[in-house]
Amino acid sequence: MDSTSADQGMLTVLVERLEKQRLPRALALKEKVDRGETLSDYDISFLEEVFTDSTNIKPMIERHPEYQLLAGKVTSLYREITEKALANQQQSDQA
């Protein structure tokens, strides 16, 4: 199996995981922080796992520009979540 075939298999798995697991969880976290809530330790662990995985797959995404727009949108969503979560935490600490 060449690297392109291996990449396509891995990308298929990653997109499926995104659709079924990570995106629903990310959208739930977005709703949570939009309500002004802070993240739990479990939520933070999830985000840490996502960031680790994104670092690991970055070279593969760079080899497949057809996935770069999707990766950018997902990254933007996680950035929004973390920025809002930080603001909520800071506000909570001041109260």
PDB file of N, CA and C in Angstrom:
ATOM      1  N   MET A   1       0.851  -1.178   0.000  1.00  0.00           N
ATOM      2  CA  MET A   1       0.000   0.000   0.000  1.00  0.00           C
ATOM      3  C   MET A   1       0.894   1.238   0.000  1.00  0.00           C
ATOM      4  N   ASP A   2       0.650   2.145  -0.947  1.00  0.00           N
ATOM      5  CA  ASP A   2       1.456   3.357  -0.987  1.00  0.00           C
ATOM      6  C   ASP A   2       0.926   4.382   0.012  1.00  0.00           C
ATOM      7  N   SER A   3       1.688   5.454   0.185  1.00  0.00           N
ATOM      8  CA  SER A   3       1.322   6.441   1.212  1.00  0.00           C
ATOM      9  C   SER A   3       0.016   7.154   0.880  1.00  0.00           C
ATOM     10  N   THR A   4      -0.289   7.327  -0.404  1.00  0.00           N
ATOM     11  CA  THR A   4      -1.548   7.974  -0.781  1.00  0.00           C
ATOM     12  C   THR A   4      -2.730   7.111  -0.365  1.00  0.00           C
ATOM     13  N   SER A   5      -2.650   5.815  -0.584  1.00  0.00           N
ATOM     14  CA  SER A   5      -3.717   4.902  -0.172  1.00  0.00           C
ATOM     15  C   SER A   5      -3.853   4.875   1.343  1.00  0.00           C
ATOM     16  N   ALA A   6      -2.722   4.843   2.025  1.00  0.00           N
ATOM     17  CA  ALA A   6      -2.745   4.850   3.491  1.00  0.00           C
ATOM     18  C   ALA A   6      -3.352   6.156   3.988  1.00  0.00           C
ATOM     19  N   ASP A   7      -2.972   7.270   3.372  1.00  0.00           N
ATOM     20  CA  ASP A   7      -3.545   8.556   3.756  1.00  0.00           C
ATOM     21  C   ASP A   7      -5.051   8.562   3.550  1.00  0.00           C
ATOM     22  N   GLN A   8      -5.507   8.069   2.415  1.00  0.00           N
ATOM     23  CA  GLN A   8      -6.943   8.085   2.136  1.00  0.00           C
ATOM     24  C   GLN A   8      -7.713   7.237   3.146  1.00  0.00           C
ATOM     25  N   GLY A   9      -7.156   6.106   3.521  1.00  0.00           N
ATOM     26  CA  GLY A   9      -7.796   5.281   4.543  1.00  0.00           C
ATOM     27  C   GLY A   9      -7.869   6.010   5.873  1.00  0.00           C
ATOM     28  N   MET A  10      -6.770   6.638   6.254  1.00  0.00           N
ATOM     29  CA  MET A  10      -6.731   7.381   7.514  1.00  0.00           C
ATOM     30  C   MET A  10      -7.662   8.584   7.459  1.00  0.00           C
ATOM     31  N   LEU A  11      -7.678   9.294   6.348  1.00  0.00           N
ATOM     32  CA  LEU A  11      -8.559  10.455   6.215  1.00  0.00           C
ATOM     33  C   LEU A  11     -10.031  10.044   6.293  1.00  0.00           C
ATOM     34  N   THR A  12     -10.361   8.917   5.723  1.00  0.00           N
ATOM     35  CA  THR A  12     -11.735   8.416   5.801  1.00  0.00           C
ATOM     36  C   THR A  12     -12.133   8.164   7.247  1.00  0.00           C
ATOM     37  N   VAL A  13     -11.255   7.542   7.995  1.00  0.00           N
ATOM     38  CA  VAL A  13     -11.510   7.280   9.413  1.00  0.00           C
ATOM     39  C   VAL A  13     -11.622   8.589  10.189  1.00  0.00           C
ATOM     40  N   LEU A  14     -10.735   9.527   9.918  1.00  0.00           N
ATOM     41  CA  LEU A  14     -10.755  10.805  10.634  1.00  0.00           C
ATOM     42  C   LEU A  14     -12.024  11.601  10.355  1.00  0.00           C
ATOM     43  N   VAL A  15     -12.473  11.608   9.116  1.00  0.00           N
ATOM     44  CA  VAL A  15     -13.706  12.330   8.777  1.00  0.00           C
ATOM     45  C   VAL A  15     -14.903  11.667   9.449  1.00  0.00           C
ATOM     46  N   GLU A  16     -14.924  10.350   9.469  1.00  0.00           N
ATOM     47  CA  GLU A  16     -16.017   9.643  10.139  1.00  0.00           C
ATOM     48  C   GLU A  16     -16.020   9.954  11.637  1.00  0.00           C
ATOM     49  N   ARG A  17     -14.852   9.956  12.255  1.00  0.00           N
ATOM     50  CA  ARG A  17     -14.764  10.280  13.678  1.00  0.00           C
ATOM     51  C   ARG A  17     -15.190  11.717  13.930  1.00  0.00           C
ATOM     52  N   LEU A  18     -14.820  12.608  13.033  1.00  0.00           N
ATOM     53  CA  LEU A  18     -15.231  13.999  13.151  1.00  0.00           C
ATOM     54  C   LEU A  18     -16.753  14.107  13.112  1.00  0.00           C
ATOM     55  N   GLU A  19     -17.365  13.473  12.141  1.00  0.00           N
ATOM     56  CA  GLU A  19     -18.820  13.549  11.978  1.00  0.00           C
ATOM     57  C   GLU A  19     -19.583  12.940  13.144  1.00  0.00           C
ATOM     58  N   LYS A  20     -19.123  11.801  13.626  1.00  0.00           N
ATOM     59  CA  LYS A  20     -19.895  11.046  14.622  1.00  0.00           C
ATOM     60  C   LYS A  20     -19.535  11.364  16.063  1.00  0.00           C
ATOM     61  N   GLN A  21     -18.315  11.807  16.312  1.00  0.00           N
ATOM     62  CA  GLN A  21     -17.891  12.008  17.687  1.00  0.00           C
ATOM     63  C   GLN A  21     -17.457  13.441  17.974  1.00  0.00           C
ATOM     64  N   ARG A  22     -16.463  13.892  17.266  1.00  0.00           N
ATOM     65  CA  ARG A  22     -15.831  15.153  17.643  1.00  0.00           C
ATOM     66  C   ARG A  22     -16.682  16.372  17.345  1.00  0.00           C
ATOM     67  N   LEU A  23     -17.315  16.432  16.175  1.00  0.00           N
ATOM     68  CA  LEU A  23     -18.110  17.603  15.856  1.00  0.00           C
ATOM     69  C   LEU A  23     -19.319  17.741  16.779  1.00  0.00           C
ATOM     70  N   PRO A  24     -20.071  16.673  17.039  1.00  0.00           N
ATOM     71  CA  PRO A  24     -21.175  16.823  17.993  1.00  0.00           C
ATOM     72  C   PRO A  24     -20.698  17.293  19.370  1.00  0.00           C
ATOM     73  N   ARG A  25     -19.583  16.762  19.822  1.00  0.00           N
ATOM     74  CA  ARG A  25     -19.045  17.170  21.123  1.00  0.00           C
ATOM     75  C   ARG A  25     -18.578  18.622  21.089  1.00  0.00           C
ATOM     76  N   ALA A  26     -17.928  19.023  20.008  1.00  0.00           N
ATOM     77  CA  ALA A  26     -17.462  20.401  19.882  1.00  0.00           C
ATOM     78  C   ALA A  26     -18.649  21.366  19.858  1.00  0.00           C
ATOM     79  N   LEU A  27     -19.700  21.019  19.144  1.00  0.00           N
ATOM     80  CA  LEU A  27     -20.876  21.896  19.089  1.00  0.00           C
ATOM     81  C   LEU A  27     -21.540  22.000  20.461  1.00  0.00           C
ATOM     82  N   ALA A  28     -21.553  20.910  21.213  1.00  0.00           N
ATOM     83  CA  ALA A  28     -22.094  20.948  22.576  1.00  0.00           C
ATOM     84  C   ALA A  28     -21.236  21.845  23.470  1.00  0.00           C
ATOM     85  N   LEU A  29     -19.925  21.768  23.319  1.00  0.00           N
ATOM     86  CA  LEU A  29     -19.040  22.634  24.094  1.00  0.00           C
ATOM     87  C   LEU A  29     -19.238  24.093  23.701  1.00  0.00           C
ATOM     88  N   LYS A  30     -19.437  24.338  22.418  1.00  0.00           N
ATOM     89  CA  LYS A  30     -19.673  25.711  21.953  1.00  0.00           C
ATOM     90  C   LYS A  30     -20.939  26.274  22.585  1.00  0.00           C
ATOM     91  N   GLU A  31     -21.996  25.479  22.623  1.00  0.00           N
ATOM     92  CA  GLU A  31     -23.234  25.914  23.274  1.00  0.00           C
ATOM     93  C   GLU A  31     -22.996  26.195  24.752  1.00  0.00           C
ATOM     94  N   LYS A  32     -22.218  25.330  25.378  1.00  0.00           N
ATOM     95  CA  LYS A  32     -21.925  25.471  26.804  1.00  0.00           C
ATOM     96  C   LYS A  32     -21.205  26.785  27.094  1.00  0.00           C
ATOM     97  N   VAL A  33     -20.152  27.064  26.348  1.00  0.00           N
ATOM     98  CA  VAL A  33     -19.406  28.288  26.611  1.00  0.00           C
ATOM     99  C   VAL A  33     -20.189  29.525  26.172  1.00  0.00           C
ATOM    100  N   ASP A  34     -21.023  29.378  25.153  1.00  0.00           N
ATOM    101  CA  ASP A  34     -21.864  30.504  24.735  1.00  0.00           C
ATOM    102  C   ASP A  34     -22.891  30.874  25.808  1.00  0.00           C
ATOM    103  N   ARG A  35     -23.234  29.910  26.652  1.00  0.00           N
ATOM    104  CA  ARG A  35     -24.143  30.175  27.781  1.00  0.00           C
ATOM    105  C   ARG A  35     -23.401  30.793  28.966  1.00  0.00           C
ATOM    106  N   GLY A  36     -22.077  30.936  28.829  1.00  0.00           N
ATOM    107  CA  GLY A  36     -21.291  31.533  29.894  1.00  0.00           C
ATOM    108  C   GLY A  36     -20.719  30.527  30.870  1.00  0.00           C
ATOM    109  N   GLU A  37     -20.863  29.254  30.583  1.00  0.00           N
ATOM    110  CA  GLU A  37     -20.352  28.219  31.477  1.00  0.00           C
ATOM    111  C   GLU A  37     -18.852  28.013  31.264  1.00  0.00           C
ATOM    112  N   THR A  38     -18.226  27.427  32.263  1.00  0.00           N
ATOM    113  CA  THR A  38     -16.812  27.074  32.156  1.00  0.00           C
ATOM    114  C   THR A  38     -16.693  25.603  31.783  1.00  0.00           C
ATOM    115  N   LEU A  39     -15.508  25.218  31.352  1.00  0.00           N
ATOM    116  CA  LEU A  39     -15.270  23.837  30.950  1.00  0.00           C
ATOM    117  C   LEU A  39     -14.877  22.988  32.147  1.00  0.00           C
ATOM    118  N   SER A  40     -15.326  21.745  32.125  1.00  0.00           N
ATOM    119  CA  SER A  40     -14.936  20.789  33.156  1.00  0.00           C
ATOM    120  C   SER A  40     -13.568  20.203  32.813  1.00  0.00           C
ATOM    121  N   ASP A  41     -12.998  19.482  33.749  1.00  0.00           N
ATOM    122  CA  ASP A  41     -11.726  18.796  33.482  1.00  0.00           C
ATOM    123  C   ASP A  41     -11.875  17.819  32.317  1.00  0.00           C
ATOM    124  N   TYR A  42     -13.035  17.159  32.243  1.00  0.00           N
ATOM    125  CA  TYR A  42     -13.318  16.221  31.157  1.00  0.00           C
ATOM    126  C   TYR A  42     -13.343  16.956  29.812  1.00  0.00           C
ATOM    127  N   ASP A  43     -13.962  18.124  29.768  1.00  0.00           N
ATOM    128  CA  ASP A  43     -13.999  18.931  28.549  1.00  0.00           C
ATOM    129  C   ASP A  43     -12.596  19.342  28.129  1.00  0.00           C
ATOM    130  N   ILE A  44     -11.807  19.767  29.081  1.00  0.00           N
ATOM    131  CA  ILE A  44     -10.436  20.197  28.791  1.00  0.00           C
ATOM    132  C   ILE A  44      -9.600  19.026  28.291  1.00  0.00           C
ATOM    133  N   SER A  45      -9.775  17.847  28.873  1.00  0.00           N
ATOM    134  CA  SER A  45      -9.060  16.657  28.402  1.00  0.00           C
ATOM    135  C   SER A  45      -9.423  16.336  26.955  1.00  0.00           C
ATOM    136  N   PHE A  46     -10.698  16.477  26.630  1.00  0.00           N
ATOM    137  CA  PHE A  46     -11.151  16.261  25.263  1.00  0.00           C
ATOM    138  C   PHE A  46     -10.448  17.232  24.314  1.00  0.00           C
ATOM    139  N   LEU A  47     -10.407  18.500  24.674  1.00  0.00           N
ATOM    140  CA  LEU A  47      -9.757  19.495  23.826  1.00  0.00           C
ATOM    141  C   LEU A  47      -8.262  19.231  23.692  1.00  0.00           C
ATOM    142  N   GLU A  48      -7.621  18.821  24.768  1.00  0.00           N
ATOM    143  CA  GLU A  48      -6.196  18.493  24.700  1.00  0.00           C
ATOM    144  C   GLU A  48      -5.951  17.332  23.734  1.00  0.00           C
ATOM    145  N   GLU A  49      -6.825  16.338  23.774  1.00  0.00           N
ATOM    146  CA  GLU A  49      -6.713  15.192  22.856  1.00  0.00           C
ATOM    147  C   GLU A  49      -6.881  15.654  21.406  1.00  0.00           C
ATOM    148  N   VAL A  50      -7.851  16.515  21.177  1.00  0.00           N
ATOM    149  CA  VAL A  50      -8.091  17.042  19.832  1.00  0.00           C
ATOM    150  C   VAL A  50      -6.866  17.809  19.331  1.00  0.00           C
ATOM    151  N   PHE A  51      -6.292  18.650  20.176  1.00  0.00           N
ATOM    152  CA  PHE A  51      -5.138  19.448  19.761  1.00  0.00           C
ATOM    153  C   PHE A  51      -3.925  18.559  19.488  1.00  0.00           C
ATOM    154  N   THR A  52      -3.730  17.533  20.288  1.00  0.00           N
ATOM    155  CA  THR A  52      -2.639  16.593  20.046  1.00  0.00           C
ATOM    156  C   THR A  52      -2.834  15.884  18.715  1.00  0.00           C
ATOM    157  N   ASP A  53      -4.048  15.400  18.486  1.00  0.00           N
ATOM    158  CA  ASP A  53      -4.339  14.715  17.226  1.00  0.00           C
ATOM    159  C   ASP A  53      -4.160  15.637  16.028  1.00  0.00           C
ATOM    160  N   SER A  54      -4.588  16.885  16.165  1.00  0.00           N
ATOM    161  CA  SER A  54      -4.473  17.809  15.031  1.00  0.00           C
ATOM    162  C   SER A  54      -3.015  18.076  14.693  1.00  0.00           C
ATOM    163  N   THR A  55      -2.166  18.137  15.694  1.00  0.00           N
ATOM    164  CA  THR A  55      -0.735  18.314  15.453  1.00  0.00           C
ATOM    165  C   THR A  55      -0.170  17.101  14.716  1.00  0.00           C
ATOM    166  N   ASN A  56      -0.620  15.920  15.120  1.00  0.00           N
ATOM    167  CA  ASN A  56      -0.117  14.693  14.507  1.00  0.00           C
ATOM    168  C   ASN A  56      -0.563  14.515  13.060  1.00  0.00           C
ATOM    169  N   ILE A  57      -1.749  15.000  12.712  1.00  0.00           N
ATOM    170  CA  ILE A  57      -2.242  14.798  11.346  1.00  0.00           C
ATOM    171  C   ILE A  57      -1.935  15.972  10.420  1.00  0.00           C
ATOM    172  N   LYS A  58      -1.349  17.020  10.951  1.00  0.00           N
ATOM    173  CA  LYS A  58      -1.062  18.204  10.139  1.00  0.00           C
ATOM    174  C   LYS A  58      -0.273  17.871   8.865  1.00  0.00           C
ATOM    175  N   PRO A  59       0.784  17.051   8.917  1.00  0.00           N
ATOM    176  CA  PRO A  59       1.511  16.735   7.675  1.00  0.00           C
ATOM    177  C   PRO A  59       0.620  16.050   6.625  1.00  0.00           C
ATOM    178  N   MET A  60      -0.291  15.210   7.073  1.00  0.00           N
ATOM    179  CA  MET A  60      -1.177  14.524   6.139  1.00  0.00           C
ATOM    180  C   MET A  60      -2.153  15.514   5.496  1.00  0.00           C
ATOM    181  N   ILE A  61      -2.667  16.438   6.286  1.00  0.00           N
ATOM    182  CA  ILE A  61      -3.571  17.454   5.746  1.00  0.00           C
ATOM    183  C   ILE A  61      -2.830  18.325   4.732  1.00  0.00           C
ATOM    184  N   GLU A  62      -1.588  18.624   4.999  1.00  0.00           N
ATOM    185  CA  GLU A  62      -0.796  19.421   4.056  1.00  0.00           C
ATOM    186  C   GLU A  62      -0.601  18.685   2.726  1.00  0.00           C
ATOM    187  N   ARG A  63      -0.553  17.354   2.767  1.00  0.00           N
ATOM    188  CA  ARG A  63      -0.410  16.561   1.532  1.00  0.00           C
ATOM    189  C   ARG A  63      -1.722  16.466   0.762  1.00  0.00           C
ATOM    190  N   HIS A  64      -2.835  16.804   1.409  1.00  0.00           N
ATOM    191  CA  HIS A  64      -4.155  16.663   0.789  1.00  0.00           C
ATOM    192  C   HIS A  64      -4.930  17.972   0.896  1.00  0.00           C
ATOM    193  N   PRO A  65      -4.673  18.874  -0.036  1.00  0.00           N
ATOM    194  CA  PRO A  65      -5.295  20.200   0.038  1.00  0.00           C
ATOM    195  C   PRO A  65      -6.824  20.157   0.001  1.00  0.00           C
ATOM    196  N   GLU A  66      -7.397  19.082  -0.500  1.00  0.00           N
ATOM    197  CA  GLU A  66      -8.859  18.979  -0.539  1.00  0.00           C
ATOM    198  C   GLU A  66      -9.477  18.919   0.861  1.00  0.00           C
ATOM    199  N   TYR A  67      -8.668  18.665   1.878  1.00  0.00           N
ATOM    200  CA  TYR A  67      -9.160  18.614   3.259  1.00  0.00           C
ATOM    201  C   TYR A  67      -8.775  19.870   4.056  1.00  0.00           C
ATOM    202  N   GLN A  68      -8.038  20.769   3.457  1.00  0.00           N
ATOM    203  CA  GLN A  68      -7.544  21.931   4.199  1.00  0.00           C
ATOM    204  C   GLN A  68      -8.658  22.897   4.613  1.00  0.00           C
ATOM    205  N   LEU A  69      -9.661  23.090   3.784  1.00  0.00           N
ATOM    206  CA  LEU A  69     -10.763  23.974   4.143  1.00  0.00           C
ATOM    207  C   LEU A  69     -11.523  23.399   5.347  1.00  0.00           C
ATOM    208  N   LEU A  70     -11.807  22.112   5.307  1.00  0.00           N
ATOM    209  CA  LEU A  70     -12.484  21.459   6.425  1.00  0.00           C
ATOM    210  C   LEU A  70     -11.652  21.571   7.694  1.00  0.00           C
ATOM    211  N   ALA A  71     -10.372  21.280   7.589  1.00  0.00           N
ATOM    212  CA  ALA A  71      -9.487  21.369   8.758  1.00  0.00           C
ATOM    213  C   ALA A  71      -9.455  22.785   9.308  1.00  0.00           C
ATOM    214  N   GLY A  72      -9.445  23.767   8.431  1.00  0.00           N
ATOM    215  CA  GLY A  72      -9.443  25.160   8.868  1.00  0.00           C
ATOM    216  C   GLY A  72     -10.720  25.531   9.605  1.00  0.00           C
ATOM    217  N   LYS A  73     -11.845  25.070   9.109  1.00  0.00           N
ATOM    218  CA  LYS A  73     -13.121  25.375   9.762  1.00  0.00           C
ATOM    219  C   LYS A  73     -13.212  24.711  11.132  1.00  0.00           C
ATOM    220  N   VAL A  74     -12.752  23.487  11.214  1.00  0.00           N
ATOM    221  CA  VAL A  74     -12.774  22.779  12.496  1.00  0.00           C
ATOM    222  C   VAL A  74     -11.833  23.460  13.482  1.00  0.00           C
ATOM    223  N   THR A  75     -10.659  23.838  13.017  1.00  0.00           N
ATOM    224  CA  THR A  75      -9.704  24.539  13.872  1.00  0.00           C
ATOM    225  C   THR A  75     -10.292  25.852  14.370  1.00  0.00           C
ATOM    226  N   SER A  76     -10.975  26.553  13.503  1.00  0.00           N
ATOM    227  CA  SER A  76     -11.610  27.815  13.879  1.00  0.00           C
ATOM    228  C   SER A  76     -12.674  27.593  14.958  1.00  0.00           C
ATOM    229  N   LEU A  77     -13.449  26.534  14.822  1.00  0.00           N
ATOM    230  CA  LEU A  77     -14.466  26.211  15.825  1.00  0.00           C
ATOM    231  C   LEU A  77     -13.818  25.949  17.184  1.00  0.00           C
ATOM    232  N   TYR A  78     -12.751  25.164  17.201  1.00  0.00           N
ATOM    233  CA  TYR A  78     -12.070  24.877  18.465  1.00  0.00           C
ATOM    234  C   TYR A  78     -11.434  26.137  19.051  1.00  0.00           C
ATOM    235  N   ARG A  79     -10.932  27.019  18.189  1.00  0.00           N
ATOM    236  CA  ARG A  79     -10.373  28.281  18.675  1.00  0.00           C
ATOM    237  C   ARG A  79     -11.468  29.127  19.337  1.00  0.00           C
ATOM    238  N   GLU A  80     -12.646  29.199  18.710  1.00  0.00           N
ATOM    239  CA  GLU A  80     -13.764  29.942  19.293  1.00  0.00           C
ATOM    240  C   GLU A  80     -14.136  29.377  20.666  1.00  0.00           C
ATOM    241  N   ILE A  81     -14.166  28.066  20.758  1.00  0.00           N
ATOM    242  CA  ILE A  81     -14.515  27.411  22.028  1.00  0.00           C
ATOM    243  C   ILE A  81     -13.498  27.766  23.100  1.00  0.00           C
ATOM    244  N   THR A  82     -12.228  27.635  22.781  1.00  0.00           N
ATOM    245  CA  THR A  82     -11.203  27.879  23.804  1.00  0.00           C
ATOM    246  C   THR A  82     -11.144  29.347  24.203  1.00  0.00           C
ATOM    247  N   GLU A  83     -11.296  30.250  23.243  1.00  0.00           N
ATOM    248  CA  GLU A  83     -11.273  31.675  23.579  1.00  0.00           C
ATOM    249  C   GLU A  83     -12.450  32.047  24.483  1.00  0.00           C
ATOM    250  N   LYS A  84     -13.628  31.552  24.155  1.00  0.00           N
ATOM    251  CA  LYS A  84     -14.813  31.850  24.956  1.00  0.00           C
ATOM    252  C   LYS A  84     -14.706  31.174  26.328  1.00  0.00           C
ATOM    253  N   ALA A  85     -14.182  29.968  26.363  1.00  0.00           N
ATOM    254  CA  ALA A  85     -14.016  29.266  27.635  1.00  0.00           C
ATOM    255  C   ALA A  85     -13.047  30.021  28.545  1.00  0.00           C
ATOM    256  N   LEU A  86     -11.976  30.537  27.977  1.00  0.00           N
ATOM    257  CA  LEU A  86     -11.012  31.307  28.758  1.00  0.00           C
ATOM    258  C   LEU A  86     -11.666  32.574  29.308  1.00  0.00           C
ATOM    259  N   ALA A  87     -12.417  33.264  28.474  1.00  0.00           N
ATOM    260  CA  ALA A  87     -13.112  34.472  28.932  1.00  0.00           C
ATOM    261  C   ALA A  87     -14.101  34.141  30.049  1.00  0.00           C
ATOM    262  N   ASN A  88     -14.817  33.043  29.901  1.00  0.00           N
ATOM    263  CA  ASN A  88     -15.767  32.623  30.938  1.00  0.00           C
ATOM    264  C   ASN A  88     -15.047  32.298  32.239  1.00  0.00           C
ATOM    265  N   GLN A  89     -13.912  31.625  32.141  1.00  0.00           N
ATOM    266  CA  GLN A  89     -13.146  31.248  33.320  1.00  0.00           C
ATOM    267  C   GLN A  89     -12.618  32.495  34.022  1.00  0.00           C
ATOM    268  N   GLN A  90     -12.111  33.428  33.251  1.00  0.00           N
ATOM    269  CA  GLN A  90     -11.608  34.678  33.846  1.00  0.00           C
ATOM    270  C   GLN A  90     -12.718  35.453  34.534  1.00  0.00           C
ATOM    271  N   GLN A  91     -13.871  35.481  33.915  1.00  0.00           N
ATOM    272  CA  GLN A  91     -15.017  36.159  34.511  1.00  0.00           C
ATOM    273  C   GLN A  91     -15.460  35.449  35.785  1.00  0.00           C
ATOM    274  N   SER A  92     -15.429  34.131  35.773  1.00  0.00           N
ATOM    275  CA  SER A  92     -15.792  33.338  36.934  1.00  0.00           C
ATOM    276  C   SER A  92     -14.815  33.565  38.081  1.00  0.00           C
ATOM    277  N   ASP A  93     -13.527  33.670  37.756  1.00  0.00           N
ATOM    278  CA  ASP A  93     -12.501  33.897  38.776  1.00  0.00           C
ATOM    279  C   ASP A  93     -12.623  35.266  39.425  1.00  0.00           C
ATOM    280  N   GLN A  94     -13.142  36.226  38.685  1.00  0.00           N
ATOM    281  CA  GLN A  94     -13.304  37.583  39.215  1.00  0.00           C
ATOM    282  C   GLN A  94     -14.535  37.714  40.108  1.00  0.00           C
ATOM    283  N   ALA A  95     -15.469  36.809  39.931  1.00  0.00           N
ATOM    284  CA  ALA A  95     -16.722  36.893  40.703  1.00  0.00           C
ATOM    285  C   ALA A  95     -16.554  36.453  42.142  1.00  0.00           C
TER     286      ALA A  95
END
